[in-house]
Protein backbone atom coordinates (compact mmCIF):
# COMPACT_ATOMS: atom_id res chain seq x y z
CA MET A 1 -56.86 16.60 58.44
CA ALA A 2 -54.44 13.04 58.88
CA ASP A 3 -54.80 11.43 55.58
CA LEU A 4 -54.64 14.62 53.70
CA ALA A 5 -51.28 15.58 55.59
CA THR A 6 -49.90 11.87 54.66
CA ALA A 7 -50.40 12.40 51.17
CA LYS A 8 -47.60 12.33 48.84
CA PRO A 9 -46.95 15.42 47.18
CA LEU A 10 -48.23 15.39 43.48
CA GLN A 11 -45.68 15.11 40.68
CA ASN A 12 -45.04 18.65 38.59
CA PRO A 13 -47.17 18.00 35.57
CA GLY A 14 -44.74 20.84 33.61
CA LYS A 15 -41.29 18.19 34.36
CA LYS A 16 -40.75 15.65 31.18
CA PRO A 17 -38.87 12.27 32.27
CA PHE A 18 -35.28 11.95 31.59
CA TRP A 19 -35.50 8.96 29.21
CA THR A 20 -37.86 10.02 26.74
CA GLU A 21 -38.85 8.13 23.00
CA THR A 22 -36.54 10.61 21.65
CA ARG A 23 -33.30 10.19 23.74
CA ARG A 24 -33.77 6.12 23.80
CA SER A 25 -33.98 5.88 19.53
CA ARG A 26 -30.84 8.54 19.56
CA LEU A 27 -29.11 6.25 21.88
CA THR A 28 -29.92 3.44 20.09
CA ALA A 29 -28.61 4.86 17.48
CA TYR A 30 -24.98 5.44 18.74
CA THR A 31 -24.67 1.97 20.02
CA PHE A 32 -24.58 0.49 16.14
CA ILE A 33 -22.32 3.35 15.39
CA SER A 34 -20.49 3.56 18.55
CA PRO A 35 -17.48 0.16 17.11
CA PHE A 36 -16.72 2.40 14.15
CA PHE A 37 -15.71 5.16 16.46
CA ILE A 38 -14.18 3.28 18.89
CA LEU A 39 -12.14 1.02 16.42
CA PHE A 40 -10.97 4.39 14.37
CA SER A 41 -9.92 6.51 18.18
CA ILE A 42 -8.05 3.14 18.39
CA PHE A 43 -6.16 2.98 15.80
CA GLY A 44 -6.68 6.09 13.69
CA LEU A 45 -6.55 8.87 16.63
CA TYR A 46 -4.41 7.34 18.98
CA PRO A 47 -1.53 6.60 16.57
CA ILE A 48 -1.52 9.98 14.90
CA PHE A 49 -0.75 11.48 18.67
CA PHE A 50 1.08 9.12 20.05
CA THR A 51 3.36 9.38 16.23
CA ILE A 52 3.32 13.79 17.38
CA TYR A 53 4.32 12.91 20.84
CA LEU A 54 7.64 10.42 20.21
CA SER A 55 8.61 13.00 17.62
CA PHE A 56 9.97 14.82 20.69
CA PHE A 57 11.68 11.62 22.06
CA LYS A 58 14.77 9.77 21.11
CA TRP A 59 13.77 6.03 21.48
CA ASP A 60 14.53 2.74 20.16
CA ALA A 61 11.73 0.70 20.65
CA LEU A 62 13.23 -1.42 23.39
CA GLY A 63 14.81 0.72 25.77
CA PRO A 64 13.24 4.04 27.72
CA MET A 65 12.11 7.00 26.09
CA LYS A 66 14.49 10.22 25.98
CA PHE A 67 12.58 13.42 25.55
CA VAL A 68 14.95 15.86 22.93
CA GLY A 69 12.40 18.09 21.83
CA PHE A 70 12.63 19.17 18.28
CA LYS A 71 15.91 17.89 17.98
CA ASN A 72 14.73 14.99 16.14
CA TYR A 73 12.99 17.46 13.47
CA GLN A 74 17.05 19.55 13.33
CA LEU A 75 18.35 15.94 12.76
CA ILE A 76 15.89 15.26 9.38
CA THR A 77 16.30 18.64 8.08
CA SER A 78 19.67 18.99 8.39
CA ASP A 79 20.32 15.57 6.61
CA PRO A 80 20.37 15.74 2.89
CA THR A 81 18.80 12.59 2.53
CA PHE A 82 15.53 13.45 3.59
CA TRP A 83 15.15 16.64 1.33
CA ILE A 84 16.46 14.22 -1.61
CA SER A 85 13.19 11.74 -0.54
CA PHE A 86 11.31 14.75 -0.39
CA SER A 87 12.44 16.07 -3.92
CA ASN A 88 12.08 12.45 -5.17
CA THR A 89 8.54 12.23 -3.62
CA LEU A 90 7.51 15.27 -5.56
CA ILE A 91 8.59 14.40 -8.57
CA MET A 92 7.46 11.39 -8.93
CA ALA A 93 3.73 12.47 -7.50
CA LEU A 94 3.91 14.83 -10.82
CA MET A 95 4.87 12.56 -13.33
CA GLY A 96 2.90 9.59 -12.05
CA THR A 97 -0.53 11.98 -10.93
CA VAL A 98 -0.84 14.53 -13.67
CA PRO A 99 -0.41 12.27 -17.34
CA GLN A 100 -2.65 9.64 -14.70
CA LEU A 101 -5.87 12.08 -14.27
CA ILE A 102 -5.52 13.16 -18.14
CA LEU A 103 -5.53 9.66 -19.39
CA ALA A 104 -8.29 8.39 -16.57
CA LEU A 105 -10.68 11.50 -18.35
CA PHE A 106 -10.21 10.48 -21.66
CA VAL A 107 -10.96 6.98 -20.54
CA ALA A 108 -13.84 7.60 -19.30
CA ILE A 109 -15.49 9.33 -21.79
CA MET A 110 -14.50 6.59 -24.20
CA LEU A 111 -16.39 4.04 -21.43
CA ASN A 112 -19.36 6.35 -21.71
CA SER A 113 -19.40 6.54 -25.67
CA ALA A 114 -23.05 5.38 -26.40
CA LEU A 115 -20.78 3.79 -29.40
CA ASN A 116 -18.82 1.57 -26.81
CA LYS A 117 -20.80 -2.17 -27.23
CA TYR A 118 -18.53 -3.83 -24.68
CA LYS A 119 -18.40 -0.53 -22.33
CA ASN A 120 -19.40 -3.34 -18.75
CA THR A 121 -15.80 -5.30 -20.01
CA PHE A 122 -13.62 -2.68 -20.42
CA ARG A 123 -14.78 -1.48 -17.07
CA ILE A 124 -13.71 -4.49 -15.60
CA LEU A 125 -10.42 -4.68 -17.29
CA PHE A 126 -9.13 -1.15 -16.35
CA PHE A 127 -10.66 -2.00 -12.46
CA MET A 128 -8.19 -5.02 -12.50
CA PRO A 129 -5.38 -3.00 -12.07
CA ASN A 130 -6.69 -1.54 -8.23
CA ILE A 131 -7.33 -4.96 -7.03
CA THR A 132 -4.07 -6.94 -8.50
CA SER A 133 -1.30 -7.38 -5.56
CA ILE A 134 1.37 -4.04 -5.58
CA VAL A 135 4.36 -6.45 -5.11
CA ALA A 136 3.78 -8.16 -8.30
CA VAL A 137 2.98 -5.75 -10.60
CA THR A 138 6.22 -4.07 -9.29
CA LEU A 139 8.16 -7.34 -10.13
CA VAL A 140 6.42 -7.75 -13.38
CA PHE A 141 7.40 -4.06 -14.20
CA SER A 142 10.69 -4.33 -12.56
CA THR A 143 11.41 -7.13 -15.28
CA MET A 144 10.03 -4.93 -17.87
CA PHE A 145 12.20 -1.79 -17.21
CA GLY A 146 15.52 -4.56 -16.78
CA ASN A 147 18.57 -3.78 -18.44
CA ASN A 148 17.51 -6.54 -21.66
CA GLY A 149 13.34 -5.93 -20.75
CA MET A 150 10.81 -5.54 -22.69
CA VAL A 151 10.90 -1.56 -22.73
CA ASN A 152 14.57 -1.41 -23.82
CA TRP A 153 13.99 -3.97 -26.43
CA LEU A 154 11.37 -1.76 -27.93
CA LEU A 155 13.67 1.51 -27.70
CA ASN A 156 16.17 -0.89 -29.47
CA THR A 157 13.87 -1.70 -32.11
CA MET A 158 13.45 2.45 -32.88
CA GLY A 159 17.10 2.71 -32.95
CA LEU A 160 17.11 4.19 -29.50
CA GLU A 161 19.80 3.48 -26.94
CA ASN A 162 18.78 1.11 -23.68
CA VAL A 163 18.06 3.11 -20.39
CA ALA A 164 19.03 2.77 -16.86
CA PHE A 165 16.07 2.29 -15.40
CA ASN A 166 17.16 0.42 -12.36
CA SER A 167 19.75 3.16 -12.05
CA GLY A 168 19.69 6.03 -13.80
CA TRP A 169 18.38 9.13 -11.53
CA TRP A 170 15.25 9.76 -14.20
CA GLY A 171 15.05 6.14 -15.30
CA VAL A 172 13.96 5.52 -11.98
CA LYS A 173 11.13 7.49 -11.62
CA ILE A 174 10.22 6.90 -15.12
CA ALA A 175 9.50 3.71 -14.31
CA ILE A 176 8.29 3.69 -10.87
CA SER A 177 6.05 6.29 -12.30
CA THR A 178 4.69 4.33 -14.86
CA MET A 179 3.24 1.83 -12.15
CA VAL A 180 1.76 4.42 -10.57
CA MET A 181 -0.35 5.20 -13.47
CA TRP A 182 -0.85 1.86 -14.72
CA ARG A 183 -2.35 0.93 -11.73
CA TRP A 184 -4.70 4.00 -10.43
CA MET A 185 -5.33 4.74 -14.02
CA GLY A 186 -8.34 2.31 -14.00
CA TYR A 187 -9.94 3.41 -10.53
CA ASN A 188 -9.53 7.39 -11.66
CA ALA A 189 -11.45 6.53 -14.71
CA ILE A 190 -14.57 4.59 -12.64
CA ILE A 191 -15.04 8.03 -10.73
CA PHE A 192 -14.79 10.06 -13.42
CA LEU A 193 -17.38 7.59 -15.11
CA SER A 194 -19.93 8.13 -12.47
CA GLY A 195 -19.67 11.57 -13.12
CA LEU A 196 -19.96 11.58 -16.41
CA GLN A 197 -22.95 9.51 -16.42
CA SER A 198 -24.93 11.80 -13.74
CA ILE A 199 -24.30 14.74 -16.02
CA PRO A 200 -28.38 14.96 -17.74
CA THR A 201 -27.99 14.36 -21.29
CA ASP A 202 -30.69 16.39 -21.91
CA ILE A 203 -27.93 19.63 -21.69
CA TYR A 204 -25.78 17.90 -24.29
CA GLU A 205 -28.70 18.18 -26.65
CA ALA A 206 -29.44 21.50 -25.96
CA ALA A 207 -25.88 22.27 -26.85
CA LYS A 208 -26.12 20.69 -30.05
CA ILE A 209 -29.46 22.36 -31.00
CA ASP A 210 -27.62 25.48 -30.19
CA GLY A 211 -24.91 24.64 -32.23
CA ALA A 212 -21.73 23.59 -30.00
CA SER A 213 -19.23 21.84 -30.82
CA ARG A 214 -17.56 18.48 -28.88
CA GLY A 215 -14.81 20.43 -27.81
CA GLN A 216 -16.96 23.60 -26.75
CA GLN A 217 -19.42 20.63 -25.31
CA MET A 218 -16.25 19.14 -23.19
CA LEU A 219 -15.12 22.65 -22.07
CA TYR A 220 -18.38 24.71 -20.51
CA ILE A 221 -20.12 21.81 -19.92
CA THR A 222 -18.45 18.33 -19.38
CA LEU A 223 -15.63 19.87 -16.87
CA PRO A 224 -17.53 22.40 -15.33
CA LEU A 225 -20.18 19.63 -14.11
CA LEU A 226 -17.73 17.29 -13.45
CA ARG A 227 -15.39 19.41 -11.08
CA PRO A 228 -16.46 17.63 -7.99
CA PHE A 229 -15.51 14.64 -9.06
CA ILE A 230 -11.98 16.19 -10.58
CA ILE A 231 -11.18 17.53 -6.79
CA PHE A 232 -12.04 14.59 -5.02
CA VAL A 233 -9.73 12.15 -7.68
CA THR A 234 -6.92 14.70 -7.12
CA LEU A 235 -7.33 14.87 -3.71
CA ILE A 236 -6.77 11.07 -3.22
CA SER A 237 -4.13 11.06 -6.34
CA THR A 238 -1.66 13.52 -4.48
CA ILE A 239 -2.09 11.77 -0.82
CA GLY A 240 -1.64 8.05 -2.17
CA ALA A 241 1.13 10.08 -4.58
CA LEU A 242 2.98 11.53 -0.82
CA GLN A 243 2.55 8.43 0.38
CA LEU A 244 4.56 6.23 -2.29
CA PHE A 245 6.32 3.07 -0.81
CA THR A 246 6.17 -0.11 -2.23
CA GLU A 247 6.78 0.64 -5.73
CA PRO A 248 10.22 2.18 -5.34
CA TYR A 249 11.04 -0.07 -2.04
CA VAL A 250 10.35 -3.78 -4.18
CA PHE A 251 11.51 -2.00 -7.38
CA LEU A 252 14.93 -0.64 -6.21
CA GLY A 253 15.21 -3.17 -3.05
CA GLN A 254 17.76 -2.20 0.18
CA SER A 255 21.19 -0.96 -0.54
CA GLY A 256 24.14 -1.44 2.07
CA SER A 257 22.65 1.08 4.40
CA GLY A 258 19.87 -0.69 4.61
CA SER A 259 17.35 2.22 2.37
CA THR A 260 16.41 2.38 -0.87
CA ARG A 261 18.94 3.77 -3.19
CA GLN A 262 18.63 7.89 -3.41
CA GLU A 263 17.38 8.03 -7.08
CA GLY A 264 14.39 6.60 -5.76
CA VAL A 265 13.96 7.15 -2.19
CA THR A 266 10.54 8.79 -1.10
CA MET A 267 9.65 9.99 2.44
CA VAL A 268 8.07 7.08 3.23
CA THR A 269 11.05 4.88 2.14
CA TYR A 270 13.14 7.11 4.52
CA LEU A 271 10.78 6.99 7.27
CA TYR A 272 10.85 3.33 6.80
CA SER A 273 14.56 3.16 7.22
CA GLU A 274 15.41 5.20 10.21
CA ALA A 275 12.41 3.45 12.55
CA PHE A 276 12.95 -0.61 11.35
CA ARG A 277 16.62 -0.31 10.02
CA ASN A 278 18.24 1.98 11.88
CA GLY A 279 16.07 2.14 14.92
CA PHE A 280 15.71 5.85 15.41
CA PHE A 281 11.92 5.86 15.97
CA GLY A 282 12.18 9.65 16.93
CA THR A 283 13.28 10.70 13.52
CA ALA A 284 10.79 8.43 11.95
CA ALA A 285 7.64 9.92 13.54
CA ALA A 286 9.30 13.28 12.81
CA THR A 287 9.55 12.01 9.15
CA ALA A 288 5.92 11.25 9.59
CA VAL A 289 5.20 14.20 11.07
CA MET A 290 6.13 16.49 8.49
CA LEU A 291 4.99 14.48 5.91
CA PHE A 292 1.72 14.99 7.27
CA ILE A 293 1.65 18.60 6.99
CA PHE A 294 3.18 18.52 3.07
CA THR A 295 0.29 16.28 2.71
CA ILE A 296 -1.86 19.34 4.03
CA ILE A 297 -0.32 21.85 2.22
CA PHE A 298 -0.37 19.85 -1.20
CA SER A 299 -4.00 18.59 -0.99
CA VAL A 300 -5.18 21.65 -0.20
CA LEU A 301 -3.12 23.38 -3.02
CA ASN A 302 -4.32 20.82 -5.54
CA MET A 303 -7.91 21.66 -4.18
CA MET A 304 -7.96 24.88 -5.00
CA ILE A 305 -6.16 24.73 -8.33
CA SER A 306 -8.87 21.70 -9.31
CA SER A 307 -11.80 24.10 -7.74
CA ARG A 308 -10.86 27.07 -10.52
CA MET A 309 -10.69 24.62 -13.40
CA GLY A 310 -14.23 24.68 -14.65
CA GLY A 311 -14.75 27.15 -12.16
CA ASP A 312 -17.93 29.77 -12.36
CA THR A 313 -17.23 31.08 -16.14
CA GLY A 314 -17.21 28.61 -17.34
CA GLY A 315 -20.70 27.34 -15.88
CA LYS A 316 -22.29 30.78 -16.76
CA LYS A 317 -21.48 30.06 -20.58
CA ALA A 318 -22.42 26.59 -20.40
């Protein structure tokens, strides 16, 4: 009887241990991927939330922060230069993105052609501008678009007058948009090329047997099946165009007031000038928040427009 009284109670046979093999494997997996989330939280999420927080304060990066509420937003929205930067960004985004995507698709189709014997060489050549230094590219284009540069020389040989690419309202936008197109067209062409190579050739062969022309194949087969790639390329191109900074900053330089000239000022150069030239980090943060909102709006609009290209009707006809 004494042995029965002092005996340990039996453990619940239905209760599972906490550290099961599945939980150990999950913990190991999360441990291996945790550096990404830690670094993303420090260098990604924290700056975003701090920028939103800073947009409600007046701060010169040295003294104490003073809460001003929505005054920073009122200051930038009442500043004509802010709206000029917004319109310039939108115009150069359209001028640099829409022709670029069309040319990139054309180049991708050319590179995907079976008649091209030097496809790999051309792929490298078209992708080279993307890995070239932006500052070096801008300096080269600044020389080309100068008053006595190559572009004006070509215009003169055709009997046309010089264009003020470095001072004219539209000349500056044409020059900067050309830089953007030259830099990113090859990158987008490579993405389109990967999409074209993922389309089965059997579909084109069946279309040829049915008597479909190349234009019909392009309209009812290629574009509908390229829709995910078109949406992706349009999205990243829109985000990149709204964040345009280096090209106008190097091409136009800084004026006496410390900001890029109005014919080429973008929202990011305006933001940079407010923060690092004028010392108004609160209004710079408010500009960044406004740019973030505009980026979301235009990205959603572009995705909606791109998703309609080669939509269900085209797919059913194909």
